[in-house]
Protein backbone atom coordinates (compact mmCIF):
# COMPACT_ATOMS: atom_id res chain seq x y z
CA MET A 1 72.12 -17.12 23.10
CA THR A 2 73.92 -20.15 24.40
CA THR A 3 72.60 -23.63 23.84
CA GLY A 4 73.33 -26.82 25.69
CA THR A 5 76.41 -26.51 27.86
CA ASP A 6 78.35 -24.10 25.62
CA ARG A 7 80.89 -21.95 27.43
CA THR A 8 79.99 -18.90 25.37
CA VAL A 9 81.13 -15.62 26.87
CA HIS A 10 78.62 -12.85 26.31
CA GLY A 11 79.91 -9.31 26.25
CA ILE A 12 78.28 -5.97 26.88
CA GLU A 13 76.61 -5.74 23.47
CA ASP A 14 75.17 -9.24 23.85
CA ILE A 15 73.81 -8.24 27.25
CA ARG A 16 72.24 -5.05 25.95
CA ALA A 17 70.64 -6.98 23.12
CA ALA A 18 69.25 -9.52 25.60
CA VAL A 19 67.85 -6.72 27.77
CA THR A 20 66.24 -5.13 24.71
CA ARG A 21 64.59 -8.41 23.71
CA ALA A 22 63.44 -9.01 27.27
CA ARG A 23 62.00 -5.51 27.56
CA GLY A 24 60.02 -5.95 24.37
CA ALA A 25 58.59 -9.23 25.64
CA GLY A 26 58.04 -7.69 29.06
CA ARG A 27 55.63 -5.08 27.76
CA ALA A 28 53.28 -7.74 26.43
CA TRP A 29 53.76 -9.80 29.60
CA ALA A 30 52.88 -6.88 31.88
CA ALA A 31 49.83 -6.08 29.76
CA SER A 32 48.60 -9.69 29.73
CA GLY A 33 47.07 -9.43 33.21
CA TRP A 34 47.26 -11.43 36.42
CA ARG A 35 45.19 -14.37 35.23
CA ASP A 36 47.16 -14.97 32.03
CA ARG A 37 50.49 -14.63 33.82
CA ARG A 38 49.38 -17.07 36.49
CA SER A 39 48.30 -19.57 33.85
CA ALA A 40 51.56 -19.21 31.93
CA LEU A 41 53.75 -19.64 35.00
CA LEU A 42 51.85 -22.70 36.15
CA ARG A 43 52.24 -24.13 32.65
CA TRP A 44 55.98 -23.56 32.96
CA LYS A 45 55.96 -25.18 36.39
CA ARG A 46 54.36 -28.29 34.93
CA GLU A 47 56.98 -28.28 32.18
CA LEU A 48 59.75 -28.16 34.78
CA ALA A 49 58.12 -30.94 36.80
CA GLY A 50 57.88 -33.12 33.72
CA ARG A 51 61.55 -32.54 32.96
CA ALA A 52 62.78 -32.89 36.54
CA ASP A 53 65.15 -35.73 35.67
CA GLU A 54 66.66 -33.74 32.81
CA PHE A 55 67.27 -30.75 35.05
CA ALA A 56 68.63 -32.93 37.84
CA GLU A 57 71.13 -34.57 35.50
CA VAL A 58 72.41 -31.21 34.26
CA ILE A 59 72.64 -29.82 37.81
CA ALA A 60 74.47 -32.92 39.03
CA SER A 61 76.90 -32.91 36.12
CA GLU A 62 77.79 -29.25 36.63
CA THR A 63 77.94 -29.12 40.43
CA GLY A 64 79.11 -32.60 41.40
CA LYS A 65 76.18 -33.15 43.76
CA PRO A 66 74.33 -36.48 43.67
CA VAL A 67 71.31 -36.71 41.41
CA HIS A 68 69.03 -37.30 44.40
CA ASP A 69 70.14 -33.94 45.82
CA ALA A 70 69.55 -32.28 42.47
CA ARG A 71 66.04 -33.71 42.29
CA SER A 72 65.28 -32.24 45.70
CA GLU A 73 66.48 -28.90 44.40
CA VAL A 74 64.09 -29.13 41.48
CA LEU A 75 61.20 -29.90 43.86
CA LEU A 76 61.96 -26.83 46.00
CA THR A 77 62.00 -24.76 42.83
CA LEU A 78 58.56 -26.03 41.85
CA VAL A 79 57.13 -25.25 45.28
CA HIS A 80 58.28 -21.64 45.13
CA LEU A 81 57.26 -21.06 41.52
CA ASP A 82 53.80 -22.43 42.27
CA TRP A 83 53.37 -20.09 45.25
CA ALA A 84 54.59 -17.01 43.39
CA ALA A 85 52.25 -17.69 40.47
CA ARG A 86 49.22 -18.27 42.67
CA ASN A 87 49.75 -15.38 45.09
CA ALA A 88 51.04 -12.52 42.94
CA ARG A 89 47.63 -10.95 42.35
CA ARG A 90 46.66 -11.14 46.02
CA VAL A 91 49.88 -9.50 47.14
CA LEU A 92 50.44 -6.98 44.34
CA GLY A 93 47.00 -6.35 42.90
CA ARG A 94 45.15 -3.08 43.43
CA ARG A 95 43.37 -2.74 46.74
CA ARG A 96 41.74 -0.05 48.81
CA VAL A 97 43.57 1.23 51.88
CA PRO A 98 42.21 3.45 54.70
CA SER A 99 42.15 7.16 53.91
CA GLY A 100 42.07 8.47 57.47
CA LEU A 101 39.81 11.11 58.99
CA LEU A 102 41.61 14.06 57.38
CA SER A 103 41.11 12.61 53.90
CA VAL A 104 37.78 10.84 54.34
CA HIS A 105 36.61 12.46 51.11
CA GLN A 106 39.30 10.58 49.17
CA ARG A 107 39.36 6.93 48.16
CA ALA A 108 42.91 5.60 48.55
CA LEU A 109 44.11 2.83 46.24
CA LEU A 110 47.40 0.94 46.30
CA ALA A 111 48.80 -1.30 43.60
CA TYR A 112 52.22 -2.61 42.61
CA ARG A 113 53.61 -2.32 39.12
CA PRO A 114 56.46 -4.31 37.56
CA LEU A 115 59.86 -2.64 37.48
CA GLY A 116 60.68 -3.73 33.93
CA VAL A 117 63.72 -5.95 33.34
CA ILE A 118 65.42 -7.68 36.27
CA GLY A 119 69.03 -8.79 36.01
CA VAL A 120 69.58 -11.97 38.04
CA ILE A 121 73.11 -13.14 38.83
CA GLY A 122 72.98 -16.69 40.17
CA PRO A 123 75.31 -18.90 42.24
CA TRP A 124 76.74 -22.34 41.55
CA ASN A 125 75.81 -24.18 44.76
CA TYR A 126 72.06 -24.29 44.03
CA PRO A 127 72.00 -23.20 40.38
CA LEU A 128 68.24 -23.70 39.94
CA TYR A 129 66.56 -23.19 43.32
CA THR A 130 68.43 -20.08 44.44
CA PRO A 131 68.13 -17.90 41.31
CA MET A 132 64.51 -19.01 40.84
CA GLY A 133 63.81 -17.32 44.17
CA SER A 134 64.32 -14.14 42.17
CA ILE A 135 63.38 -15.23 38.64
CA GLY A 136 60.04 -16.85 39.49
CA TYR A 137 58.95 -14.02 41.77
CA ALA A 138 60.10 -11.34 39.32
CA LEU A 139 58.13 -12.96 36.49
CA ALA A 140 55.06 -13.35 38.70
CA ALA A 141 55.28 -9.63 39.49
CA GLY A 142 55.08 -8.89 35.76
CA ASN A 143 58.76 -8.34 34.90
CA ALA A 144 61.08 -9.71 32.27
CA VAL A 145 64.40 -11.30 33.36
CA VAL A 146 67.95 -11.54 32.03
CA PHE A 147 69.67 -14.34 33.92
CA LYS A 148 73.42 -14.73 34.24
CA PRO A 149 74.15 -18.16 35.80
CA SER A 150 77.46 -18.94 37.41
CA GLU A 151 80.23 -19.75 34.95
CA LEU A 152 80.38 -23.15 36.68
CA THR A 153 76.73 -23.94 35.91
CA PRO A 154 75.87 -22.30 32.57
CA GLY A 155 73.99 -25.32 31.27
CA THR A 156 71.41 -25.10 34.04
CA GLY A 157 70.73 -21.44 33.26
CA VAL A 158 70.49 -22.00 29.52
CA LEU A 159 68.16 -24.99 29.98
CA LEU A 160 65.96 -22.96 32.32
CA ALA A 161 65.55 -20.10 29.85
CA ARG A 162 64.90 -22.52 26.99
CA SER A 163 62.29 -24.43 28.99
CA PHE A 164 60.35 -21.22 29.60
CA GLY A 165 60.29 -20.40 25.91
CA GLU A 166 59.10 -23.90 25.10
CA ALA A 167 56.38 -23.86 27.74
CA VAL A 168 55.24 -20.29 27.05
CA PRO A 169 56.06 -19.66 23.37
CA ASP A 170 53.94 -16.49 23.20
CA HIS A 171 56.42 -14.88 25.61
CA ALA A 172 59.55 -16.78 24.58
CA ASP A 173 61.93 -13.81 24.96
CA LEU A 174 60.75 -12.94 28.46
CA LEU A 175 63.51 -14.95 30.15
CA GLN A 176 66.95 -14.51 28.58
CA ALA A 177 70.16 -16.27 29.61
CA VAL A 178 73.61 -14.75 29.18
CA THR A 179 76.71 -16.73 30.09
CA GLY A 180 80.32 -16.05 30.91
CA PRO A 181 82.68 -15.38 33.83
CA GLY A 182 82.27 -12.85 36.60
CA SER A 183 82.91 -10.02 34.15
CA THR A 184 79.66 -10.91 32.36
CA GLY A 185 77.74 -10.53 35.60
CA ALA A 186 79.53 -7.27 36.33
CA ALA A 187 78.61 -5.99 32.89
CA LEU A 188 74.97 -6.94 33.42
CA ALA A 189 75.02 -4.85 36.61
CA GLY A 190 76.46 -1.86 34.73
CA ALA A 191 80.23 -2.10 35.21
CA GLU A 192 80.77 -1.34 31.52
CA GLY A 193 78.02 1.20 31.21
CA PRO A 194 74.22 1.14 31.42
CA THR A 195 72.52 -2.03 30.20
CA GLY A 196 68.94 -0.99 30.87
CA VAL A 197 68.15 -3.40 33.68
CA ASP A 198 65.82 -1.90 36.29
CA LYS A 199 67.03 -3.95 39.26
CA VAL A 200 69.71 -6.55 39.95
CA ALA A 201 69.28 -9.60 42.19
CA PHE A 202 72.63 -11.10 43.14
CA THR A 203 73.66 -14.20 45.08
CA GLY A 204 77.31 -14.77 45.92
CA SER A 205 80.14 -13.69 48.20
CA PRO A 206 80.16 -10.38 50.10
CA GLY A 207 83.27 -9.32 48.20
CA THR A 208 81.64 -9.82 44.83
CA ALA A 209 78.45 -8.19 46.09
CA ARG A 210 80.39 -5.02 46.85
CA LYS A 211 81.67 -4.94 43.26
CA VAL A 212 78.16 -5.48 41.91
CA ALA A 213 76.82 -2.76 44.22
CA ALA A 214 79.46 -0.34 42.94
CA ALA A 215 78.46 -1.12 39.35
CA CYS A 216 74.78 -0.61 40.15
CA ALA A 217 75.50 2.65 41.97
CA SER A 218 76.69 4.36 38.79
CA THR A 219 73.13 4.26 37.41
CA LEU A 220 71.28 4.16 40.76
CA THR A 221 70.06 0.69 39.86
CA PRO A 222 68.60 -0.97 42.98
CA LEU A 223 70.27 -4.16 44.17
CA LEU A 224 69.05 -7.16 46.13
CA ALA A 225 72.04 -9.04 47.57
CA GLU A 226 72.16 -12.45 49.26
CA CYS A 227 75.74 -13.04 50.33
CA GLY A 228 75.95 -16.19 52.41
CA GLY A 229 76.03 -16.97 56.09
CA LYS A 230 77.73 -18.51 59.07
CA ASP A 231 74.62 -20.03 60.56
CA ALA A 232 74.51 -21.16 64.17
CA VAL A 233 72.51 -23.86 65.94
CA LEU A 234 71.77 -23.28 69.62
CA VAL A 235 71.18 -26.40 71.73
CA ALA A 236 69.59 -26.11 75.17
CA ALA A 237 70.19 -28.45 78.09
CA ASP A 238 66.73 -30.00 77.71
CA ALA A 239 66.88 -30.45 73.93
CA ASP A 240 66.32 -33.77 72.19
CA LEU A 241 69.98 -34.45 71.46
CA ASP A 242 69.35 -37.22 68.94
CA ALA A 243 67.08 -34.94 66.90
CA ALA A 244 69.54 -32.07 67.22
CA ALA A 245 72.52 -34.19 66.14
CA ASP A 246 70.63 -35.61 63.18
CA ALA A 247 69.62 -32.13 61.99
CA ILE A 248 73.06 -30.64 62.58
CA VAL A 249 74.82 -33.31 60.52
CA TRP A 250 72.36 -32.89 57.67
CA GLY A 251 72.54 -29.09 57.83
CA ALA A 252 76.35 -29.08 57.98
CA MET A 253 77.20 -31.85 55.53
CA GLY A 254 74.34 -31.63 53.02
CA ASN A 255 75.53 -30.47 49.59
CA ALA A 256 79.07 -30.91 50.98
CA GLY A 257 78.46 -27.95 53.25
CA GLN A 258 77.94 -25.65 50.27
CA THR A 259 74.72 -24.09 51.53
CA CYS A 260 74.52 -20.39 52.35
CA ALA A 261 72.18 -21.11 55.27
CA GLY A 262 73.85 -24.39 56.19
CA VAL A 263 75.04 -25.19 59.71
CA GLU A 264 78.61 -24.05 60.39
CA ARG A 265 78.53 -23.26 64.13
CA VAL A 266 76.87 -25.05 67.05
CA TYR A 267 76.59 -23.66 70.58
CA ALA A 268 75.54 -26.31 73.07
CA VAL A 269 74.98 -25.76 76.78
CA ALA A 270 78.02 -27.24 78.57
CA SER A 271 76.03 -29.94 80.41
CA VAL A 272 75.07 -31.60 77.11
CA HIS A 273 78.01 -30.56 74.93
CA GLU A 274 79.93 -33.81 75.21
CA ALA A 275 76.86 -35.98 74.62
CA LEU A 276 75.90 -33.89 71.60
CA CYS A 277 79.42 -34.08 70.14
CA SER A 278 79.36 -37.86 70.49
CA ARG A 279 76.06 -38.09 68.62
CA ILE A 280 77.19 -35.74 65.88
CA VAL A 281 80.43 -37.66 65.34
CA SER A 282 78.60 -40.99 65.25
CA ARG A 283 76.20 -39.77 62.57
CA ALA A 284 78.83 -37.96 60.53
CA ARG A 285 81.16 -40.97 60.58
CA ALA A 286 78.38 -43.10 59.08
CA LEU A 287 78.13 -40.87 55.99
CA ALA A 288 79.58 -42.03 52.71
CA PRO A 289 81.09 -39.00 50.95
CA GLY A 290 80.25 -39.10 47.28
CA GLU A 291 76.93 -40.80 48.01
CA ALA A 292 75.40 -38.94 50.96
CA TYR A 293 76.76 -35.71 49.52
CA GLY A 294 78.87 -34.77 46.54
CA ALA A 295 82.00 -32.91 45.64
CA LEU A 296 83.16 -29.36 46.12
CA THR A 297 81.93 -27.55 43.02
CA LEU A 298 84.55 -24.83 43.17
CA PRO A 299 88.01 -26.48 43.31
CA SER A 300 89.62 -23.49 45.01
CA GLN A 301 87.20 -23.85 47.93
CA LEU A 302 89.39 -26.69 49.18
CA ASP A 303 92.04 -24.14 50.10
CA VAL A 304 89.53 -22.25 52.27
CA VAL A 305 88.30 -25.41 54.00
CA GLU A 306 91.83 -26.63 54.64
CA ARG A 307 92.95 -23.25 56.01
CA HIS A 308 89.99 -23.07 58.40
CA VAL A 309 90.51 -26.59 59.74
CA LYS A 310 94.28 -26.25 60.16
CA GLN A 311 94.00 -22.86 61.86
CA ALA A 312 91.27 -24.12 64.19
CA LEU A 313 93.66 -26.81 65.43
CA VAL A 314 96.55 -24.38 65.74
CA ASP A 315 94.29 -22.09 67.77
CA GLY A 316 93.57 -24.88 70.25
CA GLY A 317 90.52 -26.56 68.78
CA THR A 318 89.98 -30.32 68.78
CA ALA A 319 89.22 -32.49 65.76
CA ARG A 320 86.49 -34.90 66.88
CA LEU A 321 86.22 -36.37 63.40
CA GLY A 322 88.39 -35.89 60.33
CA GLY A 323 91.00 -33.20 59.96
CA PRO A 324 93.58 -31.94 57.47
CA ASP A 325 94.47 -35.48 56.40
CA THR A 326 90.90 -36.15 55.24
CA LEU A 327 90.79 -33.04 53.04
CA ARG A 328 91.96 -34.52 49.77
CA GLY A 329 90.52 -34.11 46.31
CA ARG A 330 87.08 -32.60 45.74
CA VAL A 331 85.04 -35.16 47.72
CA LEU A 332 85.88 -34.41 51.34
CA GLY A 333 85.22 -36.45 54.43
CA PRO A 334 83.14 -34.79 57.17
CA VAL A 335 85.02 -32.76 59.78
CA VAL A 336 83.71 -32.13 63.29
CA LEU A 337 85.63 -29.63 65.43
CA SER A 338 85.06 -28.51 68.99
CA ASP A 339 86.39 -25.96 71.46
CA VAL A 340 87.49 -23.66 68.65
CA PRO A 341 88.22 -20.07 69.75
CA GLU A 342 85.60 -17.57 68.64
CA ASP A 343 88.16 -15.51 66.71
CA SER A 344 89.37 -18.45 64.63
CA PRO A 345 88.47 -18.33 60.89
CA ALA A 346 86.46 -21.56 61.24
CA VAL A 347 84.09 -19.56 63.46
CA THR A 348 84.23 -16.11 61.87
CA GLU A 349 84.45 -16.84 58.12
CA GLU A 350 82.17 -18.79 55.82
CA THR A 351 83.80 -22.20 55.32
CA PHE A 352 81.46 -23.64 52.67
CA GLY A 353 82.61 -27.21 53.17
CA PRO A 354 81.56 -30.31 55.19
CA VAL A 355 82.87 -28.83 58.45
CA VAL A 356 81.04 -27.98 61.67
CA VAL A 357 82.31 -26.37 64.87
CA VAL A 358 80.59 -27.47 68.10
CA ASN A 359 81.45 -25.22 71.04
CA PRO A 360 80.20 -25.32 74.65
CA VAL A 361 78.47 -22.34 76.26
CA ARG A 362 77.44 -21.54 79.80
CA ASP A 363 73.74 -21.14 79.01
CA MET A 364 71.36 -20.04 76.26
CA ASP A 365 72.10 -16.39 76.97
CA GLU A 366 75.72 -16.95 76.04
CA ALA A 367 74.63 -19.02 73.02
CA VAL A 368 72.54 -16.10 71.76
CA GLU A 369 75.39 -13.67 72.39
CA ARG A 370 77.87 -15.77 70.43
CA ALA A 371 75.45 -16.47 67.60
CA ASN A 372 74.75 -12.75 67.23
CA ALA A 373 78.46 -11.84 67.32
CA SER A 374 78.94 -13.00 63.73
CA ALA A 375 79.20 -10.51 60.88
CA TYR A 376 76.70 -12.74 59.06
CA SER A 377 73.03 -12.85 59.95
CA LEU A 378 71.27 -15.12 57.49
CA GLY A 379 69.76 -18.11 59.33
CA ALA A 380 69.89 -19.95 62.64
CA ALA A 381 68.24 -22.81 64.52
CA VAL A 382 67.27 -23.50 68.13
CA PHE A 383 66.82 -26.92 69.73
CA ILE A 384 64.93 -26.81 73.00
CA ARG A 385 62.10 -28.78 74.60
CA SER A 386 59.50 -26.00 74.85
CA ARG A 387 58.30 -24.55 71.56
CA ALA A 388 57.36 -21.32 73.34
CA ALA A 389 60.87 -21.07 74.77
CA GLY A 390 62.28 -21.75 71.32
CA ILE A 391 60.30 -18.89 69.82
CA ALA A 392 61.48 -16.63 72.65
CA VAL A 393 65.11 -17.48 71.86
CA ALA A 394 64.46 -17.08 68.13
CA GLU A 395 63.19 -13.54 68.71
CA ARG A 396 66.52 -12.63 70.30
CA LEU A 397 68.57 -13.81 67.34
CA GLY A 398 69.60 -11.27 64.74
CA SER A 399 69.37 -13.63 61.78
CA GLY A 400 66.76 -13.13 59.10
CA ALA A 401 65.27 -16.63 59.56
CA VAL A 402 65.22 -19.08 62.47
CA SER A 403 64.06 -22.70 62.71
CA VAL A 404 62.99 -24.15 66.05
CA ASN A 405 63.74 -27.88 66.48
CA SER A 406 64.76 -28.24 62.83
CA VAL A 407 67.30 -26.73 60.47
CA LEU A 408 66.51 -24.84 57.27
CA GLY A 409 62.79 -25.28 57.94
CA PHE A 410 62.10 -21.95 56.23
CA ALA A 411 63.66 -22.96 52.89
CA ALA A 412 60.68 -25.07 51.80
CA ILE A 413 58.01 -22.57 52.95
CA PRO A 414 57.51 -20.16 50.05
CA SER A 415 55.36 -17.73 52.07
CA LEU A 416 58.34 -16.90 54.32
CA PRO A 417 60.79 -14.22 53.16
CA PHE A 418 64.47 -15.12 53.05
CA GLY A 419 67.49 -12.86 53.50
CA GLY A 420 69.75 -11.31 56.09
CA ALA A 421 71.86 -8.29 56.96
CA GLY A 422 75.50 -7.35 57.39
CA GLU A 423 77.79 -9.66 55.42
CA SER A 424 74.72 -11.70 54.48
CA GLY A 425 73.50 -8.87 52.27
CA TYR A 426 70.20 -7.02 52.15
CA GLY A 427 66.73 -7.33 50.71
CA ARG A 428 64.43 -10.35 50.68
CA ILE A 429 63.39 -13.04 48.25
CA HIS A 430 60.44 -15.44 48.67
CA GLY A 431 57.09 -14.69 50.23
CA GLU A 432 55.12 -11.48 49.92
CA GLU A 433 58.27 -9.42 50.48
CA GLY A 434 59.91 -11.34 47.66
CA LEU A 435 57.13 -10.38 45.27
CA ARG A 436 57.20 -6.75 46.39
CA ALA A 437 60.98 -6.71 45.91
CA PHE A 438 60.36 -6.81 42.16
CA ALA A 439 57.54 -4.28 42.02
CA ALA A 440 57.03 -0.57 42.61
CA PRO A 441 54.14 0.68 44.74
CA HIS A 442 51.69 2.88 42.87
CA SER A 443 49.40 5.12 44.92
CA VAL A 444 46.15 6.57 43.57
CA THR A 445 43.55 8.79 45.24
CA VAL A 446 40.05 9.37 43.91
CA ARG A 447 38.02 12.28 45.25
CA ARG A 448 34.63 10.98 46.34
CA PHE A 449 32.95 14.24 47.41
CA ALA A 450 33.76 17.82 48.37
CA PRO A 451 35.06 18.05 51.94
CA ALA A 452 33.45 20.34 54.48
CA VAL A 453 36.73 22.23 54.69
CA ASP A 454 38.93 21.96 51.61
CA LEU A 455 42.50 22.38 52.80
CA THR A 456 43.84 22.15 49.25
CA SER A 457 42.08 25.23 47.87
CA PHE A 458 42.98 28.92 48.12
CA SER A 459 39.27 29.71 47.94
CA THR A 460 38.61 28.25 51.39
CA PRO A 461 38.49 31.13 53.92
CA ARG A 462 41.66 31.29 55.98
CA ALA A 463 39.75 31.43 59.26
CA LYS A 464 37.86 28.27 58.34
CA VAL A 465 41.12 26.51 57.52
CA ALA A 466 42.61 27.67 60.82
CA ARG A 467 39.63 26.30 62.81
CA ALA A 468 39.87 22.94 61.04
CA VAL A 469 43.61 22.70 61.64
CA GLU A 470 43.19 23.60 65.31
CA LEU A 471 40.46 21.01 65.73
CA GLY A 472 42.70 18.37 64.22
CA ARG A 473 45.59 19.40 66.45
CA LYS A 474 43.42 19.10 69.60
CA LEU A 475 42.20 15.66 68.59
CA HIS A 476 45.77 14.41 68.13
CA ALA A 477 46.90 16.04 71.36
CA ARG A 478 44.11 14.22 73.26
CA PHE A 479 44.11 10.76 71.74
């Protein structure tokens, strides 16, 4: 395995060996029981907390984000790992479920069992927090994990795997790290033949997700895919514009805009559009790129950002702040656009840079319509005076998560599932659904006594069976 920040490229045989080691460790882990797993994961959490500065330095060095951003990422990771460890038994442990009148003689039991070995393919924008939404929950569910970090952030992945082995030496092989380019991730998913993983959790672009899905399909390996977003903020006429502008700038510019659920589109009711734009520009202009947020991690992303901004202006949009001339190097100045046509790439495609489009709409109905028109459906936000009205608008949005009077409020709440549909992928991480995503339901019935009419025996007289069936039919026809 890789150590430090080596750029080792692991091939298919390395991956299969890692899966084999993980599976061996996974058997003991699954057999250790809920209490021991909880204790081990909380011990690992404390190890991560104690080494937060070390992790933050590695994350910052690999991504280009400021250390203070990296430390926040570590904190979010701790919050989610803590929740998964403490709630796995409650969510996945065996429990009794209703048997129903027809099967009153049976006791019905439901439990969830680990799948085995989970292959996790992580992104570069949040190289610790995002993959741990799968890794931590998969481990809490009783699985082993083989983690392939982005080729841009291998050191973070290697350090994470090593820290687990140091914190939980009795299960040191449970979390394996394999490193390399996209081909390593494809191989983990099965592109070069079966590797033995029982599920793959992927975070990245929709295009890459399709390739991973094709690789998984060859062995019917299930896939959980989180593929980014084009998140919208809807601003009502009665919204607190200062609060909305503050949140929009943070959601759009934080991490240099490289957040899958970051703010890329804003739809403000026309009566407040100009006032909101003014507030957004004022706050964005006050930011110091390189301090408030860091660099583009992927150098080629500059081409995407530049193309979106230039095309938006060609299409008739207005640059309220910044523009093509401010897009130089890897640390970009903030860009605020307005009145950009809805078919322009800056509105339809994921930009993944410090750029936000603020467009006017007639009313909140039109805002909902435009927000839902995107091929992405990951997150959204609503700013409006009434919380009840905000919830009502949220229920009309097709995104998987919505914040009312904040942005990204769901990211720090580990009990809430996270994920989307369409180009944003499928499946959920975090919360109870996130735990169940890495477990298989196991149903058991226990016969408690002989039923008055046994419908599962040939020895029961046919006439008696017929009367019982007819009685059941009449009950269902009436109630």
